[in-house]
Amino acid sequence: MRRDRPRYLYPVVVLQQFLATGTFPAAKIALRDIRPFDMALLRFVLAAAILWPLGERARRGRTIDRADHRAFWLLGALAIPLNQGLFLVGLQWTTVGHSALLYALTPLFVMLLAAWRLHERITLGRAAGILLAFAGVLIVLLEYGIELSAGQFTGDLLILLAVLAWSYYTVLGKPYIQKYGAMVVTARAMTYGTILFLPIGLVSIWNFHPASVGTDAWLGLLYCAIGTSVIAYTLWYWALNFIDAAQVAVFNNFQPVIATVLGWLLLGEPITLTFIAGGVLVLIGVFVTEKL
C-alpha cells in the first residue's frame, strides 16, 4: 500500500542523511577509547532505553501479532549484532572513506532484495539512477585516494557484510512499518537486537574502565546512540512508509558529499571541481531514481 507523500518527505530524508553521515567520524572518535563491543553495548542499551517507551506510546495499546514477534527479533539481529557489530569491528581496520564507499552500495543491494521480498520493480531508469549516484560517490572518494592493505581488506569485508545486513533490515522492515508505524518497529527491533547482543556485550564490558574514556569519545558514543540509533533509524523507517525501499536507499549516496561539504564548512577543506562533478552525478542519480 502506497501512502500519500507528505510535502516534507524529502527534507526529512536529507536530514536523516546528515545525521547518518555523522556516524562515521563519531564512531571513529569513540573507538579511540572504547572497544567495539563495549561501545555497541553502551550505545544500544541507551538507545533502547529511550526508544522502548516511545514505541509503547506510539503503539497505543494495539496488540502485536504473535507471528510478527519473530520478524522483530530478526530485524533486531540484522540491525545490531550483524550491522552495527560488524561495522564497529570493521571500522577499526579500515577508513571512514572506505566505509562510506561500501555503504554507497546499499541502494543496489536494497533494489535487488526489494525486488525479491517486496516485488518492487527494477526499472531501467531506477537501475541507471543508482549506478549514476554510485559513480558520483566513487569520483568524490577517489580524489582523496583509497588505499588498500591486508588488514584493511579484512575491515572492508566486515563493513560489506554490515551493508548487506542493513540492506536486508531496510527491506524486511517495510511491511511491518506500514502495519505498526516506524516508531513501534524501530523500538522493537532496537530492544530485541540489544537483548541478542547482551551475551557478547556483557562479557566484553567486564574489563571496561570508564575513567580511561575521554570526553570526545563519550560525545561520539552519545551521538551514535541518540543521533543515529534513535533519530536517524526512526526517520529511515518513517520514509519507507511513503516510497519504495530502493528510492529511500539511494539517498545514502549523499553521505560522502555531505561529509565533504561539512569538511569545507567546519574545517576549511577545499571544494574541488572533481568533487562538484561527483556531487552533480549523485544528485542526478537520486533524481532519476526518484522519478523513473
Protein backbone atom coordinates (compact mmCIF):
# COMPACT_ATOMS: atom_id res chain seq x y z
CA MET A 1 0.00 0.00 0.00
CA ARG A 2 1.47 3.35 -1.13
CA ARG A 3 0.63 6.25 1.17
CA ASP A 4 0.31 9.89 0.16
CA ARG A 5 3.69 11.57 0.43
CA PRO A 6 3.92 14.47 2.88
CA ARG A 7 5.40 17.65 1.46
CA TYR A 8 8.31 17.48 3.89
CA LEU A 9 9.27 13.90 2.98
CA TYR A 10 12.45 14.70 1.08
CA PRO A 11 13.74 17.35 3.52
CA VAL A 12 13.34 14.77 6.30
CA VAL A 13 15.23 12.15 4.27
CA VAL A 14 18.06 14.64 3.67
CA LEU A 15 18.12 15.45 7.41
CA GLN A 16 18.35 11.72 8.09
CA GLN A 17 21.36 11.53 5.79
CA PHE A 18 23.07 14.42 7.59
CA LEU A 19 22.61 12.58 10.89
CA ALA A 20 23.79 9.29 9.42
CA THR A 21 26.87 10.95 7.91
CA GLY A 22 27.98 11.99 11.37
CA THR A 23 28.06 8.35 12.46
CA PHE A 24 31.35 7.61 10.68
CA PRO A 25 33.55 10.25 12.37
CA ALA A 26 31.68 9.99 15.69
CA ALA A 27 32.21 6.22 15.84
CA LYS A 28 35.84 6.57 14.77
CA ILE A 29 36.47 9.06 17.61
CA ALA A 30 34.66 6.92 20.19
CA LEU A 31 36.62 3.83 19.15
CA ARG A 32 39.88 5.52 20.15
CA ASP A 33 39.00 4.96 23.81
CA ILE A 34 36.18 2.38 23.75
CA ARG A 35 36.45 -1.13 22.37
CA PRO A 36 33.92 -2.02 19.63
CA PHE A 37 31.74 -4.41 21.62
CA ASP A 38 31.79 -2.16 24.68
CA MET A 39 30.68 0.75 22.53
CA ALA A 40 27.95 -1.31 20.86
CA LEU A 41 26.53 -2.41 24.20
CA LEU A 42 26.56 1.08 25.72
CA ARG A 43 25.17 2.66 22.57
CA PHE A 44 22.27 0.29 22.10
CA VAL A 45 21.28 -0.08 25.74
CA LEU A 46 20.96 3.71 25.85
CA ALA A 47 19.09 3.84 22.53
CA ALA A 48 16.71 1.02 23.56
CA ALA A 49 16.02 2.71 26.89
CA ILE A 50 14.92 5.83 25.00
CA LEU A 51 13.06 4.11 22.17
CA TRP A 52 11.09 1.47 24.08
CA PRO A 53 8.78 3.90 25.97
CA LEU A 54 8.37 5.98 22.81
CA GLY A 55 7.42 2.86 20.86
CA GLU A 56 4.96 1.74 23.50
CA ARG A 57 3.34 5.16 23.49
CA ALA A 58 3.12 5.11 19.68
CA ARG A 59 1.59 1.61 19.80
CA ARG A 60 -1.40 2.99 21.75
CA GLY A 61 -2.41 -0.38 23.11
CA ARG A 62 -2.52 -2.15 19.74
CA THR A 63 -1.62 -5.82 20.05
CA ILE A 64 1.46 -7.08 18.21
CA ASP A 65 0.56 -10.24 16.30
CA ARG A 66 2.39 -13.27 17.67
CA ALA A 67 3.88 -14.16 14.28
CA ASP A 68 5.32 -10.66 13.93
CA HIS A 69 7.48 -11.01 17.04
CA ARG A 70 9.72 -13.40 15.10
CA ALA A 71 10.22 -10.75 12.44
CA PHE A 72 11.12 -8.15 15.10
CA TRP A 73 13.76 -10.50 16.54
CA LEU A 74 15.23 -10.95 13.06
CA LEU A 75 15.18 -7.18 12.47
CA GLY A 76 16.96 -6.71 15.79
CA ALA A 77 19.63 -9.26 14.85
CA LEU A 78 20.18 -7.57 11.49
CA ALA A 79 20.37 -4.05 12.94
CA ILE A 80 22.62 -4.65 15.95
CA PRO A 81 24.77 -7.80 16.20
CA LEU A 82 25.17 -8.03 12.42
CA ASN A 83 25.03 -4.49 11.05
CA GLN A 84 26.48 -2.45 13.89
CA GLY A 85 28.64 -5.17 15.43
CA LEU A 86 30.37 -5.81 12.11
CA PHE A 87 30.52 -2.07 11.35
CA LEU A 88 32.26 -1.16 14.60
CA VAL A 89 34.78 -4.00 14.35
CA GLY A 90 35.44 -3.33 10.67
CA LEU A 91 35.88 0.40 11.22
CA GLN A 92 38.92 -0.31 13.41
CA TRP A 93 40.76 -1.73 10.40
CA THR A 94 39.50 0.44 7.57
CA THR A 95 38.97 4.13 6.89
CA VAL A 96 35.91 6.37 7.02
CA GLY A 97 36.27 6.84 3.23
CA HIS A 98 36.23 3.11 2.55
CA SER A 99 33.22 2.67 4.82
CA ALA A 100 31.30 5.43 3.04
CA LEU A 101 32.09 3.92 -0.36
CA LEU A 102 30.90 0.48 0.72
CA TYR A 103 27.72 1.95 2.21
CA ALA A 104 27.12 3.58 -1.17
CA LEU A 105 26.37 0.05 -2.40
CA THR A 106 23.28 -0.01 -0.15
CA PRO A 107 20.84 1.16 -2.88
CA LEU A 108 21.98 -1.62 -5.22
CA PHE A 109 21.56 -4.30 -2.57
CA VAL A 110 18.24 -2.85 -1.44
CA MET A 111 16.92 -2.73 -5.02
CA LEU A 112 17.74 -6.42 -5.56
CA LEU A 113 16.38 -7.52 -2.17
CA ALA A 114 13.24 -5.42 -2.58
CA ALA A 115 12.58 -7.00 -5.96
CA TRP A 116 12.81 -10.40 -4.26
CA ARG A 117 10.97 -9.73 -0.98
CA LEU A 118 8.60 -6.86 -1.84
CA HIS A 119 8.19 -7.37 -5.61
CA GLU A 120 9.31 -3.81 -6.29
CA ARG A 121 10.04 -3.25 -9.97
CA ILE A 122 13.63 -2.99 -11.18
CA THR A 123 13.18 -0.40 -13.91
CA LEU A 124 15.92 0.66 -16.29
CA GLY A 125 15.64 4.24 -15.03
CA ARG A 126 15.90 3.23 -11.38
CA ALA A 127 18.93 0.99 -12.02
CA ALA A 128 20.60 3.73 -14.08
CA GLY A 129 19.98 6.29 -11.33
CA ILE A 130 21.52 4.06 -8.66
CA LEU A 131 24.59 3.41 -10.83
CA LEU A 132 24.96 7.15 -11.59
CA ALA A 133 24.79 8.00 -7.89
CA PHE A 134 27.36 5.33 -7.08
CA ALA A 135 29.65 6.67 -9.82
CA GLY A 136 29.39 10.11 -8.24
CA VAL A 137 30.36 8.71 -4.84
CA LEU A 138 33.31 6.89 -6.40
CA ILE A 139 34.56 10.11 -8.04
CA VAL A 140 34.32 12.03 -4.75
CA LEU A 141 36.17 9.38 -2.76
CA LEU A 142 38.83 8.55 -5.37
CA GLU A 143 40.01 12.15 -5.26
CA TYR A 144 41.21 11.56 -1.70
CA GLY A 145 42.78 8.21 -2.51
CA ILE A 146 41.50 4.79 -1.50
CA GLU A 147 44.44 2.75 -0.27
CA LEU A 148 44.31 -0.99 0.31
CA SER A 149 46.27 -3.19 2.69
CA ALA A 150 45.82 -6.72 4.06
CA GLY A 151 44.35 -5.50 7.34
CA GLN A 152 42.18 -3.00 5.57
CA PHE A 153 40.81 -5.74 3.32
CA THR A 154 39.51 -7.52 6.44
CA GLY A 155 37.90 -4.32 7.66
CA ASP A 156 36.34 -3.67 4.27
CA LEU A 157 34.92 -7.20 4.13
CA LEU A 158 33.30 -6.78 7.56
CA ILE A 159 31.84 -3.42 6.50
CA LEU A 160 30.46 -5.02 3.33
CA LEU A 161 28.71 -7.70 5.41
CA ALA A 162 27.35 -4.91 7.62
CA VAL A 163 25.98 -3.18 4.50
CA LEU A 164 24.23 -6.39 3.43
CA ALA A 165 22.66 -6.72 6.90
CA TRP A 166 21.47 -3.09 6.79
CA SER A 167 20.03 -3.57 3.31
CA TYR A 168 18.02 -6.60 4.41
CA TYR A 169 16.93 -4.75 7.57
CA THR A 170 15.59 -1.99 5.32
CA VAL A 171 13.65 -4.31 3.05
CA LEU A 172 12.38 -6.74 5.69
CA GLY A 173 11.01 -3.97 7.89
CA LYS A 174 8.84 -2.21 5.31
CA PRO A 175 5.63 -4.30 5.69
CA TYR A 176 5.77 -4.00 9.48
CA ILE A 177 6.31 -0.24 9.32
CA GLN A 178 3.17 0.07 7.25
CA LYS A 179 1.33 -2.12 9.76
CA TYR A 180 2.55 -0.67 13.09
CA GLY A 181 4.42 2.56 12.30
CA ALA A 182 8.11 3.46 12.19
CA MET A 183 8.50 4.23 15.90
CA VAL A 184 6.97 0.94 17.05
CA VAL A 185 9.08 -1.18 14.68
CA THR A 186 12.31 0.72 15.37
CA ALA A 187 11.80 0.46 19.13
CA ARG A 188 11.08 -3.27 18.98
CA ALA A 189 13.98 -4.01 16.64
CA MET A 190 16.39 -1.94 18.73
CA THR A 191 15.31 -3.53 22.02
CA TYR A 192 15.27 -7.10 20.73
CA GLY A 193 18.62 -6.59 19.00
CA THR A 194 20.13 -5.24 22.20
CA ILE A 195 18.93 -8.32 24.09
CA LEU A 196 20.51 -10.56 21.45
CA PHE A 197 23.78 -8.66 21.80
CA LEU A 198 23.88 -8.85 25.62
CA PRO A 199 25.82 -12.16 25.89
CA ILE A 200 28.66 -10.73 23.80
CA GLY A 201 28.49 -7.21 25.21
CA LEU A 202 28.42 -8.21 28.89
CA VAL A 203 31.48 -10.45 28.51
CA SER A 204 33.36 -7.67 26.73
CA ILE A 205 32.38 -4.84 29.08
CA TRP A 206 33.60 -6.71 32.19
CA ASN A 207 37.02 -5.06 31.82
CA PHE A 208 35.68 -1.66 30.73
CA HIS A 209 37.18 1.31 32.61
CA PRO A 210 35.03 4.45 32.21
CA ALA A 211 37.69 6.68 33.76
CA SER A 212 40.00 5.99 30.81
CA VAL A 213 37.48 7.31 28.28
CA GLY A 214 37.95 10.89 27.14
CA THR A 215 35.21 13.50 26.70
CA ASP A 216 35.39 13.32 22.89
CA ALA A 217 34.82 9.56 22.99
CA TRP A 218 31.80 9.93 25.29
CA LEU A 219 30.34 12.57 22.96
CA GLY A 220 30.93 10.29 19.98
CA LEU A 221 29.14 7.48 21.79
CA LEU A 222 26.18 9.73 22.66
CA TYR A 223 25.92 10.89 19.07
CA CYS A 224 25.83 7.30 17.80
CA ALA A 225 23.23 6.33 20.42
CA ILE A 226 20.85 9.28 20.10
CA GLY A 227 21.62 10.99 16.79
CA THR A 228 21.96 7.75 14.83
CA SER A 229 20.19 4.90 16.63
CA VAL A 230 17.21 6.85 17.96
CA ILE A 231 16.62 9.65 15.46
CA ALA A 232 18.19 8.55 12.17
CA TYR A 233 17.00 4.93 12.42
CA THR A 234 13.42 6.07 13.08
CA LEU A 235 13.45 8.61 10.24
CA TRP A 236 14.82 5.95 7.88
CA TYR A 237 11.90 3.64 8.60
CA TRP A 238 9.43 6.54 8.58
CA ALA A 239 10.41 7.38 4.99
CA LEU A 240 9.77 3.78 3.94
CA ASN A 241 6.08 4.39 4.67
CA PHE A 242 5.82 6.57 1.59
CA ILE A 243 8.31 5.46 -1.10
CA ASP A 244 9.88 2.25 -2.31
CA ALA A 245 12.87 0.84 -0.45
CA ALA A 246 15.29 1.45 -3.34
CA GLN A 247 14.18 5.09 -3.56
CA VAL A 248 14.92 5.66 0.12
CA ALA A 249 18.22 3.79 -0.03
CA VAL A 250 19.63 5.83 -2.93
CA PHE A 251 19.80 8.83 -0.59
CA ASN A 252 22.65 7.00 1.18
CA ASN A 253 24.88 8.21 -1.61
CA PHE A 254 24.57 11.76 -0.33
CA GLN A 255 26.70 10.85 2.68
CA PRO A 256 30.21 11.29 1.16
CA VAL A 257 29.02 14.53 -0.46
CA ILE A 258 27.64 15.82 2.85
CA ALA A 259 30.85 14.80 4.63
CA THR A 260 32.93 16.81 2.15
CA VAL A 261 30.66 19.87 2.46
CA LEU A 262 30.89 19.69 6.26
CA GLY A 263 34.67 19.48 5.96
CA TRP A 264 34.59 22.67 3.90
CA LEU A 265 32.26 24.48 6.31
CA LEU A 266 33.84 23.35 9.58
CA LEU A 267 37.48 22.66 8.70
CA GLY A 268 38.11 24.87 5.70
CA GLU A 269 38.87 21.91 3.42
CA PRO A 270 38.73 22.91 -0.27
CA ILE A 271 35.85 22.15 -2.63
CA THR A 272 37.32 21.00 -5.97
CA LEU A 273 35.92 20.67 -9.46
CA THR A 274 36.23 16.89 -9.13
CA PHE A 275 34.03 16.98 -6.04
CA ILE A 276 31.49 19.18 -7.81
CA ALA A 277 31.37 16.74 -10.75
CA GLY A 278 30.88 13.79 -8.41
CA GLY A 279 28.25 15.64 -6.38
CA VAL A 280 26.30 16.55 -9.53
CA LEU A 281 26.32 12.89 -10.59
CA VAL A 282 24.94 11.90 -7.18
CA LEU A 283 22.16 14.49 -7.48
CA ILE A 284 21.28 13.35 -11.00
CA GLY A 285 21.31 9.72 -9.89
CA VAL A 286 18.98 10.41 -6.97
CA PHE A 287 16.64 12.46 -9.20
CA VAL A 288 16.49 9.72 -11.86
CA THR A 289 15.86 7.03 -9.23
CA GLU A 290 13.01 9.02 -7.69
CA LYS A 291 11.33 9.99 -10.95
CA LEU A 292 11.69 6.89 -13.16
